[in-house]
Protein backbone atom coordinates (compact mmCIF):
# COMPACT_ATOMS: atom_id res chain seq x y z
CA UNK A 1 -48.92 -13.94 40.46
CA UNK A 2 -47.69 -12.11 37.34
CA UNK A 3 -50.14 -9.68 35.75
CA UNK A 4 -50.29 -8.41 32.24
CA UNK A 5 -47.91 -5.49 31.87
CA UNK A 6 -49.50 -2.20 30.91
CA UNK A 7 -48.33 1.35 30.36
CA UNK A 8 -50.00 2.35 33.61
CA UNK A 9 -48.17 -0.37 35.53
CA UNK A 10 -44.86 0.69 34.01
CA UNK A 11 -45.50 4.31 34.88
CA UNK A 12 -46.45 3.55 38.51
CA UNK A 13 -43.60 1.09 39.17
CA UNK A 14 -41.36 2.39 41.97
CA UNK A 15 -37.60 1.75 42.28
CA UNK A 16 -36.45 -0.72 44.93
CA UNK A 17 -34.44 0.28 47.97
CA UNK A 18 -31.46 -1.63 46.60
CA UNK A 19 -30.61 -3.77 43.58
CA UNK A 20 -33.38 -4.21 41.04
CA UNK A 21 -36.90 -5.56 40.84
CA UNK A 22 -38.95 -7.21 38.08
CA UNK A 23 -42.56 -6.83 36.99
CA UNK A 24 -43.23 -10.08 35.09
CA UNK A 25 -45.76 -10.24 32.30
CA UNK A 26 -48.47 -12.87 32.44
CA UNK A 27 -48.95 -12.99 28.67
CA UNK A 28 -45.39 -13.76 27.50
CA UNK A 29 -43.34 -16.04 29.73
CA UNK A 30 -39.94 -14.55 30.60
CA UNK A 31 -40.92 -11.02 29.55
CA UNK A 32 -40.60 -8.36 32.27
CA UNK A 33 -40.03 -4.72 33.15
CA UNK A 34 -36.83 -4.26 35.14
CA UNK A 35 -36.60 -1.32 37.57
CA UNK A 36 -33.22 -0.36 39.09
CA UNK A 37 -32.49 1.46 42.34
CA UNK A 38 -31.79 4.59 40.30
CA UNK A 39 -35.25 4.47 38.72
CA UNK A 40 -34.18 3.29 35.25
CA UNK A 41 -36.81 1.06 33.60
CA UNK A 42 -36.16 -1.37 30.76
CA UNK A 43 -37.76 -4.43 29.19
CA UNK A 44 -35.97 -7.79 29.34
CA UNK A 45 -36.61 -11.35 28.20
CA UNK A 46 -35.41 -14.48 29.98
CA UNK A 47 -35.10 -17.66 27.92
CA UNK A 48 -33.03 -20.84 27.60
CA UNK A 49 -30.89 -21.69 24.56
CA UNK A 50 -28.73 -24.79 24.22
CA UNK A 51 -29.18 -25.52 27.92
CA UNK A 52 -28.04 -22.06 29.03
CA UNK A 53 -30.16 -19.47 30.82
CA UNK A 54 -30.11 -16.17 28.95
CA UNK A 55 -31.33 -12.64 29.67
CA UNK A 56 -31.46 -10.07 26.91
CA UNK A 57 -32.38 -6.39 27.20
CA UNK A 58 -35.00 -5.31 24.66
CA UNK A 59 -35.07 -1.56 25.30
CA UNK A 60 -35.72 1.22 27.78
CA UNK A 61 -39.12 2.46 28.85
CA UNK A 62 -40.65 4.87 27.80
CA UNK A 63 -38.59 4.87 24.57
CA UNK A 64 -40.17 1.47 24.03
CA UNK A 65 -43.86 1.02 24.72
CA UNK A 66 -45.08 -2.06 26.55
CA UNK A 67 -46.86 -3.28 23.40
CA UNK A 68 -43.79 -2.88 21.18
CA UNK A 69 -41.50 -4.57 23.72
CA UNK A 70 -43.96 -7.46 24.17
CA UNK A 71 -44.16 -8.04 20.40
CA UNK A 72 -40.35 -8.06 20.18
CA UNK A 73 -40.23 -10.55 23.05
CA UNK A 74 -42.66 -12.80 21.15
CA UNK A 75 -40.50 -12.56 18.02
CA UNK A 76 -37.38 -13.44 20.01
CA UNK A 77 -39.07 -16.46 21.61
CA UNK A 78 -40.05 -17.64 18.14
CA UNK A 79 -36.38 -17.40 17.09
CA UNK A 80 -35.37 -19.40 20.17
CA UNK A 81 -37.90 -22.09 19.26
CA UNK A 82 -36.21 -22.28 15.84
CA UNK A 83 -32.84 -22.89 17.48
CA UNK A 84 -31.41 -19.37 17.49
CA UNK A 85 -29.88 -17.50 20.43
CA UNK A 86 -30.59 -13.72 20.21
CA UNK A 87 -28.39 -12.87 23.21
CA UNK A 88 -25.56 -15.09 21.95
CA UNK A 89 -25.75 -13.47 18.52
CA UNK A 90 -25.72 -10.00 20.04
CA UNK A 91 -22.71 -10.90 22.18
CA UNK A 92 -20.93 -12.43 19.19
CA UNK A 93 -21.61 -9.27 17.20
CA UNK A 94 -20.22 -7.15 20.02
CA UNK A 95 -17.09 -9.30 20.22
CA UNK A 96 -16.68 -9.66 16.42
CA UNK A 97 -13.28 -8.47 15.14
CA UNK A 98 -12.98 -4.99 13.67
CA UNK A 99 -11.04 -3.95 10.59
CA UNK A 100 -8.46 -2.50 12.98
CA UNK A 101 -8.00 -5.98 14.47
CA UNK A 102 -7.84 -7.47 10.98
CA UNK A 103 -5.01 -5.05 10.16
CA UNK A 104 -3.14 -5.95 13.36
CA UNK A 105 -3.25 -9.65 12.55
CA UNK A 106 -2.42 -8.98 8.88
CA UNK A 107 0.56 -6.87 9.99
CA UNK A 108 1.90 -9.55 12.33
CA UNK A 109 1.28 -12.66 10.19
CA UNK A 110 1.32 -11.63 6.52
CA UNK A 111 3.21 -8.35 6.15
CA UNK A 112 6.61 -9.69 7.34
CA UNK A 113 6.65 -12.05 4.33
CA UNK A 114 6.99 -9.06 1.98
CA UNK A 115 9.98 -6.94 1.03
CA UNK A 116 10.71 -3.99 3.33
CA UNK A 117 9.62 -1.39 0.79
CA UNK A 118 6.36 -3.24 0.13
CA UNK A 119 5.77 -3.43 3.87
CA UNK A 120 6.23 0.32 4.24
CA UNK A 121 3.97 1.02 1.27
CA UNK A 122 1.17 -1.22 2.51
CA UNK A 123 1.46 0.13 6.06
CA UNK A 124 0.95 3.62 4.67
CA UNK A 125 -2.15 2.47 2.74
CA UNK A 126 -3.66 1.02 5.90
CA UNK A 127 -2.81 3.96 8.15
CA UNK A 128 -3.64 6.79 5.72
CA UNK A 129 -6.52 5.33 3.69
CA UNK A 130 -8.11 2.11 4.94
CA UNK A 131 -8.22 2.47 8.74
CA UNK A 132 -9.55 6.06 8.83
CA UNK A 133 -12.45 4.80 6.72
CA UNK A 134 -13.12 1.28 8.05
CA UNK A 135 -11.03 0.88 11.21
CA UNK A 136 -13.89 0.87 13.74
CA UNK A 137 -16.25 -1.19 11.59
CA UNK A 138 -16.68 -4.92 12.07
CA UNK A 139 -15.00 -7.10 9.47
CA UNK A 140 -18.32 -8.83 8.81
CA UNK A 141 -20.09 -5.49 8.25
CA UNK A 142 -17.98 -4.30 5.30
CA UNK A 143 -19.93 -4.60 2.05
CA UNK A 144 -18.93 -4.66 -1.59
CA UNK A 145 -20.49 -1.20 -1.89
CA UNK A 146 -18.25 0.10 0.92
CA UNK A 147 -15.10 -1.10 -0.83
CA UNK A 148 -16.27 0.12 -4.23
CA UNK A 149 -16.98 3.57 -2.76
CA UNK A 150 -13.48 3.69 -1.26
CA UNK A 151 -11.95 2.80 -4.63
CA UNK A 152 -14.02 5.50 -6.30
CA UNK A 153 -13.04 8.17 -3.74
CA UNK A 154 -9.32 7.42 -4.02
CA UNK A 155 -9.66 7.60 -7.80
CA UNK A 156 -11.77 10.74 -8.11
CA UNK A 157 -11.08 12.81 -4.98
CA UNK A 158 -7.44 11.95 -4.40
CA UNK A 159 -6.84 11.71 -8.15
CA UNK A 160 -4.67 8.59 -7.81
CA UNK A 161 -6.32 5.81 -9.85
CA UNK A 162 -3.33 3.46 -9.67
CA UNK A 163 -3.15 3.91 -5.90
CA UNK A 164 -6.83 3.05 -5.76
CA UNK A 165 -6.14 -0.26 -7.52
CA UNK A 166 -3.28 -1.10 -5.15
CA UNK A 167 -5.42 -0.35 -2.10
CA UNK A 168 -8.14 -2.73 -3.29
CA UNK A 169 -5.53 -5.43 -3.95
CA UNK A 170 -4.34 -5.11 -0.35
CA UNK A 171 -7.91 -5.24 0.97
CA UNK A 172 -8.71 -8.26 -1.19
CA UNK A 173 -5.78 -10.14 0.29
CA UNK A 174 -6.72 -9.11 3.83
CA UNK A 175 -10.33 -10.30 3.41
CA UNK A 176 -9.13 -13.58 1.89
CA UNK A 177 -7.14 -14.08 5.08
CA UNK A 178 -10.21 -13.10 7.11
CA UNK A 179 -12.13 -15.89 5.37
CA UNK A 180 -9.35 -18.31 6.30
CA UNK A 181 -9.55 -17.05 9.89
CA UNK A 182 -13.34 -17.64 9.80
CA UNK A 183 -14.08 -13.97 10.43
CA UNK A 184 -16.45 -13.82 7.46
CA UNK A 185 -17.64 -16.04 4.60
CA UNK A 186 -17.09 -13.87 1.53
CA UNK A 187 -14.73 -11.22 0.16
CA UNK A 188 -16.29 -7.75 -0.31
CA UNK A 189 -13.21 -6.55 -2.22
CA UNK A 190 -13.70 -9.10 -4.99
CA UNK A 191 -15.27 -7.86 -8.20
CA UNK A 192 -14.37 -4.17 -7.76
CA UNK A 193 -13.69 -2.83 -11.23
CA UNK A 194 -10.07 -1.75 -11.54
CA UNK A 195 -9.03 1.53 -13.09
CA UNK A 196 -7.24 1.06 -16.41
CA UNK A 197 -3.46 1.22 -16.04
CA UNK A 198 -1.20 2.10 -18.89
CA UNK A 199 2.32 0.79 -18.59
CA UNK A 200 4.57 3.81 -18.62
CA UNK A 201 7.98 3.37 -20.18
CA UNK A 202 9.99 6.55 -19.73
CA UNK A 203 13.60 6.52 -20.85
CA UNK A 204 16.09 9.26 -20.09
CA UNK A 205 18.07 10.42 -23.11
CA UNK A 206 21.74 11.36 -23.02
CA UNK A 207 21.05 15.05 -22.43
CA UNK A 208 18.69 14.31 -19.54
CA UNK A 209 21.13 11.84 -17.97
CA UNK A 210 23.90 14.43 -18.16
CA UNK A 211 21.66 17.11 -16.59
CA UNK A 212 20.61 14.72 -13.83
CA UNK A 213 24.22 13.71 -13.12
CA UNK A 214 25.24 17.38 -12.90
CA UNK A 215 22.38 18.10 -10.49
CA UNK A 216 23.40 15.14 -8.31
CA UNK A 217 27.02 16.37 -8.18
CA UNK A 218 25.82 19.78 -7.00
CA UNK A 219 23.26 18.51 -4.47
CA UNK A 220 23.80 19.47 -0.83
CA UNK A 221 22.95 16.02 0.56
CA UNK A 222 25.65 13.61 -0.72
CA UNK A 223 24.25 10.46 0.92
CA UNK A 224 20.91 10.43 -0.92
CA UNK A 225 22.53 11.87 -4.06
CA UNK A 226 25.04 9.00 -4.09
CA UNK A 227 22.20 6.50 -3.70
CA UNK A 228 20.62 7.87 -6.88
CA UNK A 229 24.00 7.77 -8.62
CA UNK A 230 24.36 4.09 -7.75
CA UNK A 231 20.87 3.47 -9.10
CA UNK A 232 21.91 5.09 -12.37
CA UNK A 233 25.17 3.12 -12.55
CA UNK A 234 23.72 -0.31 -11.72
CA UNK A 235 20.05 -0.32 -12.76
CA UNK A 236 19.26 -1.85 -9.35
CA UNK A 237 15.94 -1.45 -7.57
CA UNK A 238 15.61 1.33 -5.02
CA UNK A 239 15.17 -1.08 -2.10
CA UNK A 240 18.26 -3.05 -3.12
CA UNK A 241 20.41 0.08 -3.12
CA UNK A 242 19.06 1.68 0.06
CA UNK A 243 19.27 -1.57 2.02
CA UNK A 244 22.75 -2.51 0.77
CA UNK A 245 25.49 -3.33 3.27
CA UNK A 246 29.24 -3.17 2.70
CA UNK A 247 29.62 -6.92 3.12
CA UNK A 248 27.61 -7.43 -0.09
CA UNK A 249 30.34 -5.73 -2.14
CA UNK A 250 33.61 -7.26 -3.26
CA UNK A 251 35.34 -4.00 -4.14
CA UNK A 252 38.58 -5.77 -5.03
CA UNK A 253 36.91 -7.81 -7.79
CA UNK A 254 34.13 -5.33 -8.53
CA UNK A 255 31.15 -7.57 -7.75
CA UNK A 256 27.88 -6.88 -5.93
CA UNK A 257 26.24 -10.00 -4.49
CA UNK A 258 22.67 -9.31 -3.39
CA UNK A 259 21.33 -11.87 -0.88
CA UNK A 260 17.97 -13.43 -1.64
CA UNK A 261 16.37 -11.57 1.26
CA UNK A 262 17.19 -8.24 -0.43
CA UNK A 263 15.90 -8.99 -3.94
CA UNK A 264 12.37 -8.82 -5.28
CA UNK A 265 12.61 -12.28 -6.84
CA UNK A 266 13.92 -13.72 -3.51
CA UNK A 267 16.97 -15.21 -5.23
CA UNK A 268 20.65 -14.43 -4.83
CA UNK A 269 21.71 -12.00 -7.56
CA UNK A 270 25.38 -11.47 -8.45
CA UNK A 271 26.25 -8.57 -10.76
CA UNK A 272 29.56 -7.04 -11.89
CA UNK A 273 30.17 -3.37 -11.17
CA UNK A 274 31.32 -0.86 -13.76
CA UNK A 275 34.43 1.19 -13.07
CA UNK A 276 32.42 4.38 -12.30
CA UNK A 277 30.19 2.45 -9.88
CA UNK A 278 33.23 0.86 -8.25
CA UNK A 279 34.96 4.24 -7.95
CA UNK A 280 31.86 5.76 -6.32
CA UNK A 281 31.71 2.94 -3.75
CA UNK A 282 35.43 3.06 -2.99
CA UNK A 283 35.25 6.82 -2.38
CA UNK A 284 32.14 6.44 -0.23
CA UNK A 285 33.71 3.71 1.90
CA UNK A 286 36.85 5.79 2.43
CA UNK A 287 34.74 8.80 3.44
CA UNK A 288 32.65 6.69 5.81
CA UNK A 289 35.79 5.26 7.44
CA UNK A 290 37.34 8.72 7.86
CA UNK A 291 34.14 10.05 9.42
CA UNK A 292 33.89 7.13 11.85
CA UNK A 293 37.52 7.59 12.94
CA UNK A 294 36.98 11.33 13.45
CA UNK A 295 33.88 10.68 15.58
CA UNK A 296 35.41 7.73 17.41
CA UNK A 297 32.58 5.41 16.42
CA UNK A 298 32.53 2.14 14.47
CA UNK A 299 31.67 2.53 10.78
CA UNK A 300 28.10 1.75 9.76
CA UNK A 301 27.51 -1.61 8.09
CA UNK A 302 25.13 0.13 5.70
CA UNK A 303 26.28 1.78 2.49
CA UNK A 304 23.63 4.48 2.88
CA UNK A 305 23.00 4.97 6.62
CA UNK A 306 20.36 7.44 7.68
CA UNK A 307 20.52 9.90 10.62
CA UNK A 308 19.41 7.20 13.08
CA UNK A 309 22.05 4.70 11.95
CA UNK A 310 19.55 2.55 10.10
CA UNK A 311 19.56 2.52 6.27
CA UNK A 312 17.89 5.32 4.35
CA UNK A 313 14.29 4.48 3.54
CA UNK A 314 13.30 7.39 1.32
CA UNK A 315 15.07 9.59 -1.23
CA UNK A 316 12.00 11.20 -2.75
CA UNK A 317 12.84 14.73 -1.54
CA UNK A 318 16.29 14.56 -3.09
CA UNK A 319 14.82 13.13 -6.29
CA UNK A 320 12.37 16.03 -6.61
CA UNK A 321 15.15 18.51 -5.92
CA UNK A 322 17.58 17.16 -8.54
CA UNK A 323 14.80 16.74 -11.12
CA UNK A 324 13.84 20.39 -10.61
CA UNK A 325 17.46 21.44 -11.09
CA UNK A 326 17.79 19.21 -14.18
CA UNK A 327 14.54 20.53 -15.68
CA UNK A 328 12.83 17.13 -15.61
CA UNK A 329 9.28 18.12 -14.67
CA UNK A 330 6.94 21.04 -14.13
CA UNK A 331 5.04 23.00 -11.49
CA UNK A 332 1.53 21.65 -10.83
CA UNK A 333 -1.26 22.95 -8.57
CA UNK A 334 -1.57 21.65 -5.00
CA UNK A 335 -5.00 20.08 -4.46
CA UNK A 336 -6.90 19.39 -1.23
CA UNK A 337 -8.64 16.12 -0.27
CA UNK A 338 -11.62 17.10 -2.44
CA UNK A 339 -9.49 17.80 -5.48
CA UNK A 340 -9.77 21.60 -5.22
CA UNK A 341 -6.77 23.97 -5.58
CA UNK A 342 -5.13 25.05 -2.32
CA UNK A 343 -4.59 28.82 -2.03
CA UNK A 344 -1.83 30.69 -0.19
CA UNK A 345 -2.47 33.59 2.20
CA UNK A 346 -2.68 35.98 -0.76
CA UNK A 347 -5.32 33.88 -2.49
CA UNK A 348 -2.99 32.55 -5.17
CA UNK A 349 -2.99 28.84 -6.07
CA UNK A 350 -0.16 26.91 -4.43
CA UNK A 351 2.04 24.80 -6.69
CA UNK A 352 4.57 22.04 -6.27
CA UNK A 353 7.19 20.62 -8.58
CA UNK A 354 6.23 17.28 -10.09
CA UNK A 355 9.00 15.33 -11.87
CA UNK A 356 7.99 13.79 -15.20
CA UNK A 357 10.32 10.88 -14.54
CA UNK A 358 10.15 8.38 -11.68
CA UNK A 359 13.05 6.93 -9.74
CA UNK A 360 12.16 3.52 -11.19
CA UNK A 361 12.56 4.97 -14.70
CA UNK A 362 16.31 5.03 -14.02
CA UNK A 363 16.14 1.25 -14.20
CA UNK A 364 14.37 1.39 -17.57
CA UNK A 365 16.95 3.88 -18.83
CA UNK A 366 19.77 1.56 -17.72
CA UNK A 367 18.20 -1.19 -19.85
CA UNK A 368 17.83 1.13 -22.86
CA UNK A 369 21.53 2.03 -22.65
CA UNK A 370 22.40 -1.67 -22.60
CA UNK A 371 20.27 -2.17 -25.71
CA UNK A 372 22.01 0.68 -27.53
CA UNK A 373 25.33 -0.92 -26.58
CA UNK A 374 24.28 -4.14 -28.30
CA UNK A 375 23.35 -6.23 -25.23
CA UNK A 376 20.86 -9.07 -25.75
CA UNK A 377 17.60 -9.47 -23.85
CA UNK A 378 18.90 -12.46 -21.83
CA UNK A 379 21.96 -10.44 -20.81
CA UNK A 380 19.79 -7.47 -19.82
CA UNK A 381 17.59 -9.80 -17.79
CA UNK A 382 20.63 -11.13 -15.95
CA UNK A 383 21.90 -7.62 -15.22
CA UNK A 384 18.52 -6.50 -13.87
CA UNK A 385 17.87 -9.68 -11.92
CA UNK A 386 14.78 -10.77 -13.85
CA UNK A 387 13.64 -14.36 -13.36
CA UNK A 388 10.86 -14.22 -15.97
CA UNK A 389 11.64 -13.76 -19.67
CA UNK A 390 8.43 -11.78 -20.20
CA UNK A 391 9.63 -9.18 -17.68
CA UNK A 392 12.64 -8.34 -19.86
CA UNK A 393 10.50 -8.55 -23.02
CA UNK A 394 9.19 -5.02 -22.34
CA UNK A 395 12.52 -3.74 -23.69
CA UNK A 396 12.25 -5.67 -26.98
CA UNK A 397 10.94 -2.64 -28.90
CA UNK A 398 14.16 -0.80 -28.12
CA UNK A 399 15.90 -3.15 -30.53
CA UNK A 400 13.98 -1.63 -33.48
CA UNK A 401 16.68 0.90 -34.37
CA UNK A 402 19.66 -1.50 -34.11
CA UNK A 403 17.70 -4.09 -36.09
CA UNK A 404 16.74 -1.55 -38.73
CA UNK A 405 20.38 -0.53 -39.12
CA UNK A 406 21.34 -4.18 -39.49
CA UNK A 407 18.62 -4.66 -42.11
CA UNK A 408 19.82 -1.56 -43.98
CA UNK A 409 23.32 -3.06 -44.09
CA UNK A 410 21.96 -6.28 -45.63
CA UNK A 411 19.85 -4.34 -48.12
CA UNK A 412 22.81 -2.21 -49.15
CA UNK A 413 24.94 -5.30 -49.66
CA UNK A 414 22.31 -6.99 -51.82
CA UNK A 415 21.89 -3.92 -54.05
CA UNK A 416 25.61 -3.09 -53.98
CA UNK A 417 25.02 0.34 -52.46
CA UNK A 418 26.26 1.81 -49.23
CA UNK A 419 23.79 2.71 -46.47
CA UNK A 420 24.95 6.33 -46.85
CA UNK A 421 23.71 6.37 -50.45
CA UNK A 422 20.27 5.21 -49.32
CA UNK A 423 20.19 7.87 -46.61
CA UNK A 424 21.18 10.60 -49.09
CA UNK A 425 18.50 9.49 -51.57
CA UNK A 426 15.88 9.37 -48.86
CA UNK A 427 16.79 12.89 -47.79
CA UNK A 428 16.41 14.14 -51.39
CA UNK A 429 12.94 12.60 -51.66
CA UNK A 430 11.85 14.34 -48.48
């Protein structure tokens, strides 16, 4: 007959010769002290839930006292009476997907729908920022406070507020998918306050463009330098240039046809090439053919093949180098993960060159040159491959000077004076 479990009984209980033995409690049905052959003692509770026999471990003796384990057993039996299954819930929690598993499913089901550059960027966010922080945690465990703290750390410690916003956008999408997959019921990334972002419109002037072109001509790595040249000559996106293949170009008629799979707007984009752009491509193709013949290998289908034969994926190092040579930037201190200056072996702060112009600003500069040449917004939109009018509208302010000159011409005609007279009079007043 079972007897009431006591501390003395638990202390005196001897291990069996083999297997395990149970000391059942007379007060709470299903509650017992389990003793293994090795002498380990732990409290368990047997119960039935939804027609299934369950056994759950409460805790080890003497870490748990008999009284504490018995009270826990009573609480668990009360939960069972209310229709819950403590062991099932514990097992479900143990088997619940982690953030690492959420990333793996996200990477296989959602990421391939994005452009290659976006895929690479998001993969870096996951591998460098999200997974080191949350990877081992259960998807259902992540709280709004966890996500908000991550956003704050990226902003303040890394000093990259825009990157912080992008990371939260990626997490928000991933948790929305997790809701669809029934991995959790809410989205902890929703409601995180974004850092303010100021649209930066940087346009290279003629002097800067000339300095940059000279630096590109003198650069030791012609492949990446030529990629930047083509960006300058076409206003194309970086991914469109780096992923370009020779079959996209009709060099005889001077036309670049970008397949929908290679454009951000996912639509075929056909653009004419200028004579300098065409000359660059013709020279590059001839050089690529000569190299392939010399090496006895077939020519690469890519316009900008990398060392492995696949297209170049990054030209940032070349960009920094040519910007330094062109004087487009400045030296800034190198900071550690906590935002503190990194010192060299002599105790002096390390610095790195930071360009004050981005690769994407080449595209803006291309548009500004079109404006100065008298191109209309619809024409600029067609050249850049915009599908939304509001996207091209960002360049509307560049029309101020041409419009002002046109207005001056009208004013001069009305008052029967030449624009030069007005300019001379204005100079005298100043």
